[in-house]
């Protein structure tokens, strides 16, 4: 094989590797765009929930999400105070 043909083959291989790298970058950019779109939709859903529930309802939902109000009332009855920094009186208080 002539050196010119080898050089041309090497350049073709290098161009092929460069195109593969660009394809991988495009796939990564599309995945990142999809993740950002999902995050933005979740944020919009959270803002819509805030608008629907109002400030007090949203605070109640965020603070008492893992603790139902019936559990909070039982904690109050038996005098169990705060757990994980959340007061059970917060869950039963009406704004």
N, C-alpha and C. Protein backbone atom coordinates (compact mmCIF):
# COMPACT_ATOMS: atom_id res chain seq x y z
N UNK A 1 0.84 -1.19 0.00
CA UNK A 1 0.00 0.00 0.00
C UNK A 1 0.88 1.24 0.00
N UNK A 2 0.39 2.21 -0.71
CA UNK A 2 1.16 3.45 -0.78
C UNK A 2 0.91 4.28 0.48
N UNK A 3 1.88 5.10 0.83
CA UNK A 3 1.71 5.94 2.04
C UNK A 3 0.55 6.93 1.89
N UNK A 4 0.27 7.35 0.70
CA UNK A 4 -0.83 8.29 0.50
C UNK A 4 -2.17 7.61 0.77
N UNK A 5 -2.32 6.36 0.38
CA UNK A 5 -3.54 5.62 0.63
C UNK A 5 -3.71 5.35 2.13
N UNK A 6 -2.63 5.05 2.83
CA UNK A 6 -2.68 4.84 4.27
C UNK A 6 -3.08 6.12 5.00
N UNK A 7 -2.53 7.24 4.53
CA UNK A 7 -2.88 8.52 5.15
C UNK A 7 -4.36 8.85 4.91
N UNK A 8 -4.84 8.58 3.72
CA UNK A 8 -6.25 8.82 3.41
C UNK A 8 -7.15 7.92 4.25
N UNK A 9 -6.76 6.67 4.44
CA UNK A 9 -7.53 5.74 5.27
C UNK A 9 -7.54 6.18 6.73
N UNK A 10 -6.42 6.67 7.21
CA UNK A 10 -6.32 7.16 8.59
C UNK A 10 -7.19 8.40 8.79
N UNK A 11 -7.20 9.30 7.82
CA UNK A 11 -8.05 10.49 7.91
C UNK A 11 -9.53 10.11 7.88
N UNK A 12 -9.87 9.12 7.08
CA UNK A 12 -11.25 8.66 7.02
C UNK A 12 -11.67 8.05 8.36
N UNK A 13 -10.79 7.28 8.97
CA UNK A 13 -11.08 6.69 10.28
C UNK A 13 -11.22 7.78 11.34
N UNK A 14 -10.37 8.78 11.28
CA UNK A 14 -10.44 9.90 12.22
C UNK A 14 -11.75 10.67 12.04
N UNK A 15 -12.18 10.87 10.82
CA UNK A 15 -13.44 11.55 10.56
C UNK A 15 -14.61 10.73 11.06
N UNK A 16 -14.54 9.42 10.91
CA UNK A 16 -15.59 8.55 11.41
C UNK A 16 -15.68 8.60 12.94
N UNK A 17 -14.54 8.61 13.62
CA UNK A 17 -14.53 8.74 15.08
C UNK A 17 -15.07 10.09 15.52
N UNK A 18 -14.76 11.13 14.78
CA UNK A 18 -15.27 12.46 15.11
C UNK A 18 -16.79 12.51 14.95
N UNK A 19 -17.31 11.90 13.91
CA UNK A 19 -18.76 11.85 13.72
C UNK A 19 -19.43 11.05 14.82
N UNK A 20 -18.81 9.97 15.26
CA UNK A 20 -19.35 9.18 16.37
C UNK A 20 -19.38 9.99 17.66
N UNK A 21 -18.33 10.76 17.90
CA UNK A 21 -18.29 11.61 19.09
C UNK A 21 -19.38 12.68 19.03
N UNK A 22 -19.59 13.27 17.86
CA UNK A 22 -20.64 14.26 17.72
C UNK A 22 -22.02 13.64 17.92
N UNK A 23 -22.21 12.42 17.47
CA UNK A 23 -23.48 11.73 17.68
C UNK A 23 -23.71 11.47 19.17
N UNK A 24 -22.67 11.07 19.89
CA UNK A 24 -22.80 10.86 21.33
C UNK A 24 -23.12 12.16 22.06
N UNK A 25 -22.50 13.24 21.64
CA UNK A 25 -22.80 14.54 22.24
C UNK A 25 -24.24 14.97 21.96
N UNK A 26 -24.73 14.68 20.78
CA UNK A 26 -26.12 15.01 20.46
C UNK A 26 -27.09 14.21 21.31
N UNK A 27 -26.81 12.92 21.51
CA UNK A 27 -27.66 12.10 22.36
C UNK A 27 -27.63 12.61 23.80
N UNK A 28 -26.46 12.97 24.30
CA UNK A 28 -26.35 13.50 25.65
C UNK A 28 -27.12 14.82 25.79
N UNK A 29 -27.05 15.66 24.78
CA UNK A 29 -27.78 16.93 24.83
C UNK A 29 -29.29 16.69 24.81
N UNK A 30 -29.74 15.73 24.02
CA UNK A 30 -31.18 15.42 23.99
C UNK A 30 -31.66 14.85 25.31
N UNK A 31 -30.86 14.00 25.94
CA UNK A 31 -31.23 13.46 27.25
C UNK A 31 -31.28 14.57 28.30
N UNK A 32 -30.33 15.48 28.25
CA UNK A 32 -30.33 16.60 29.19
C UNK A 32 -31.55 17.49 28.97
N UNK A 33 -31.90 17.72 27.72
CA UNK A 33 -33.09 18.53 27.43
C UNK A 33 -34.35 17.84 27.93
N UNK A 34 -34.42 16.52 27.80
CA UNK A 34 -35.59 15.80 28.30
C UNK A 34 -35.67 15.89 29.82
N UNK A 35 -34.55 15.75 30.50
CA UNK A 35 -34.54 15.85 31.96
C UNK A 35 -34.94 17.24 32.42
N UNK A 36 -34.44 18.25 31.74
CA UNK A 36 -34.81 19.62 32.11
C UNK A 36 -36.28 19.90 31.85
N UNK A 37 -36.81 19.32 30.79
CA UNK A 37 -38.24 19.49 30.51
C UNK A 37 -39.09 18.85 31.60
N UNK A 38 -38.72 17.65 32.03
CA UNK A 38 -39.45 16.98 33.11
C UNK A 38 -39.36 17.78 34.40
N UNK A 39 -38.18 18.29 34.71
CA UNK A 39 -38.02 19.10 35.92
C UNK A 39 -38.86 20.37 35.85
N UNK A 40 -38.91 20.99 34.69
CA UNK A 40 -39.72 22.20 34.54
C UNK A 40 -41.21 21.89 34.67
N UNK A 41 -41.65 20.77 34.11
CA UNK A 41 -43.05 20.39 34.24
C UNK A 41 -43.41 20.09 35.69
N UNK A 42 -42.51 19.45 36.43
CA UNK A 42 -42.77 19.20 37.85
C UNK A 42 -42.83 20.49 38.64
N UNK A 43 -41.97 21.44 38.30
CA UNK A 43 -42.01 22.73 38.98
C UNK A 43 -43.31 23.47 38.68
N UNK A 44 -43.75 23.41 37.44
CA UNK A 44 -45.03 24.04 37.10
C UNK A 44 -46.20 23.37 37.80
N UNK A 45 -46.14 22.05 37.93
CA UNK A 45 -47.18 21.33 38.66
C UNK A 45 -47.19 21.74 40.13
N UNK A 46 -46.01 21.92 40.71
CA UNK A 46 -45.91 22.36 42.09
C UNK A 46 -46.47 23.77 42.26
N UNK A 47 -46.19 24.65 41.31
CA UNK A 47 -46.73 26.00 41.39
C UNK A 47 -48.25 26.01 41.21
N UNK A 48 -48.76 25.14 40.34
CA UNK A 48 -50.21 25.03 40.18
C UNK A 48 -50.86 24.52 41.46
N UNK A 49 -50.20 23.57 42.11
CA UNK A 49 -50.70 23.06 43.38
C UNK A 49 -50.71 24.16 44.43
N UNK A 50 -49.68 24.99 44.44
CA UNK A 50 -49.64 26.12 45.37
C UNK A 50 -50.78 27.09 45.10
N UNK A 51 -51.06 27.34 43.83
CA UNK A 51 -52.16 28.25 43.51
C UNK A 51 -53.51 27.66 43.89
N UNK A 52 -53.68 26.36 43.70
CA UNK A 52 -54.96 25.74 44.01
C UNK A 52 -55.20 25.62 45.51
N UNK A 53 -54.16 25.27 46.26
CA UNK A 53 -54.33 25.05 47.69
C UNK A 53 -54.22 26.31 48.52
N UNK A 54 -53.57 27.32 47.98
CA UNK A 54 -53.30 28.51 48.77
C UNK A 54 -52.07 28.29 49.62
N UNK A 55 -51.59 29.35 50.21
CA UNK A 55 -50.34 29.26 50.97
C UNK A 55 -50.46 28.33 52.17
N UNK A 56 -51.56 28.45 52.90
CA UNK A 56 -51.71 27.63 54.09
C UNK A 56 -51.86 26.15 53.73
N UNK A 57 -52.69 25.87 52.71
CA UNK A 57 -52.87 24.48 52.30
C UNK A 57 -51.59 23.87 51.79
N UNK A 58 -50.81 24.69 51.07
CA UNK A 58 -49.54 24.18 50.55
C UNK A 58 -48.56 23.90 51.68
N UNK A 59 -48.52 24.80 52.68
CA UNK A 59 -47.65 24.56 53.83
C UNK A 59 -48.09 23.32 54.59
N UNK A 60 -49.41 23.16 54.74
CA UNK A 60 -49.91 21.97 55.42
C UNK A 60 -49.51 20.73 54.66
N UNK A 61 -49.62 20.77 53.33
CA UNK A 61 -49.28 19.62 52.52
C UNK A 61 -47.80 19.31 52.60
N UNK A 62 -46.97 20.34 52.56
CA UNK A 62 -45.53 20.09 52.56
C UNK A 62 -45.04 19.65 53.94
N UNK A 63 -45.60 20.20 55.02
CA UNK A 63 -45.13 19.84 56.35
C UNK A 63 -45.71 18.50 56.79
N UNK A 64 -46.97 18.26 56.48
CA UNK A 64 -47.65 17.07 56.99
C UNK A 64 -47.80 15.99 55.94
N UNK A 65 -46.99 16.03 54.90
CA UNK A 65 -47.14 15.07 53.81
C UNK A 65 -46.91 13.64 54.29
N UNK A 66 -45.94 13.46 55.17
CA UNK A 66 -45.63 12.11 55.65
C UNK A 66 -46.39 11.76 56.93
N UNK A 67 -47.04 12.74 57.54
CA UNK A 67 -47.78 12.50 58.77
C UNK A 67 -49.23 12.89 58.55
N UNK A 68 -50.13 11.94 58.60
CA UNK A 68 -51.54 12.28 58.42
C UNK A 68 -52.03 13.05 59.64
N UNK A 69 -53.10 13.80 59.48
CA UNK A 69 -53.61 14.61 60.59
C UNK A 69 -54.19 13.75 61.70
N UNK A 70 -54.71 12.57 61.37
CA UNK A 70 -55.22 11.70 62.43
C UNK A 70 -54.06 11.25 63.33
N UNK A 71 -52.93 10.96 62.73
CA UNK A 71 -51.75 10.59 63.53
C UNK A 71 -51.32 11.78 64.38
N UNK A 72 -51.37 12.98 63.79
CA UNK A 72 -50.98 14.17 64.54
C UNK A 72 -51.92 14.41 65.71
N UNK A 73 -53.22 14.20 65.51
CA UNK A 73 -54.17 14.37 66.62
C UNK A 73 -53.92 13.36 67.73
N UNK A 74 -53.61 12.12 67.34
CA UNK A 74 -53.29 11.11 68.36
C UNK A 74 -52.03 11.48 69.12
N UNK A 75 -51.07 12.03 68.43
CA UNK A 75 -49.85 12.46 69.11
C UNK A 75 -50.16 13.55 70.12
N UNK A 76 -51.06 14.45 69.74
CA UNK A 76 -51.44 15.51 70.66
C UNK A 76 -52.17 14.94 71.88
N UNK A 77 -53.03 13.96 71.66
CA UNK A 77 -53.79 13.37 72.77
C UNK A 77 -52.85 12.70 73.76
N UNK A 78 -51.86 11.99 73.25
CA UNK A 78 -50.96 11.27 74.15
C UNK A 78 -49.75 12.10 74.56
N UNK A 79 -49.75 13.37 74.18
CA UNK A 79 -48.69 14.26 74.65
C UNK A 79 -47.34 14.01 74.01
N UNK A 80 -47.34 13.38 72.88
CA UNK A 80 -46.06 13.18 72.20
C UNK A 80 -45.73 14.47 71.47
N UNK A 81 -44.58 15.02 71.75
CA UNK A 81 -44.23 16.34 71.22
C UNK A 81 -43.77 16.29 69.79
N UNK A 82 -42.70 16.97 69.56
CA UNK A 82 -42.21 17.08 68.19
C UNK A 82 -41.50 15.81 67.77
N UNK A 83 -41.62 15.54 66.48
CA UNK A 83 -40.86 14.44 65.89
C UNK A 83 -40.29 14.96 64.58
N UNK A 84 -38.99 14.82 64.42
CA UNK A 84 -38.28 15.31 63.23
C UNK A 84 -38.46 16.81 63.06
N UNK A 85 -38.58 17.54 64.15
CA UNK A 85 -38.69 18.98 64.08
C UNK A 85 -40.06 19.50 63.68
N UNK A 86 -41.05 18.62 63.49
CA UNK A 86 -42.39 19.06 63.10
C UNK A 86 -43.32 18.91 64.28
N UNK A 87 -44.00 19.98 64.61
CA UNK A 87 -44.95 19.93 65.71
C UNK A 87 -46.27 19.38 65.20
N UNK A 88 -46.88 18.43 65.91
CA UNK A 88 -48.17 17.90 65.45
C UNK A 88 -49.28 18.93 65.51
N UNK A 89 -49.12 20.00 66.30
CA UNK A 89 -50.15 21.04 66.33
C UNK A 89 -50.25 21.76 64.99
N UNK A 90 -49.17 21.79 64.28
CA UNK A 90 -49.18 22.46 62.98
C UNK A 90 -50.15 21.77 62.04
N UNK A 91 -50.21 20.43 62.12
CA UNK A 91 -51.05 19.68 61.18
C UNK A 91 -52.54 19.86 61.48
N UNK A 92 -52.90 20.07 62.71
CA UNK A 92 -54.32 20.16 63.03
C UNK A 92 -54.81 21.60 63.09
N UNK A 93 -53.91 22.56 63.03
CA UNK A 93 -54.32 23.96 63.06
C UNK A 93 -54.94 24.35 61.73
N UNK A 94 -55.99 25.12 61.76
CA UNK A 94 -56.65 25.58 60.54
C UNK A 94 -56.28 27.04 60.33
N UNK A 95 -55.81 27.34 59.12
CA UNK A 95 -55.42 28.74 58.83
C UNK A 95 -56.66 29.59 58.60
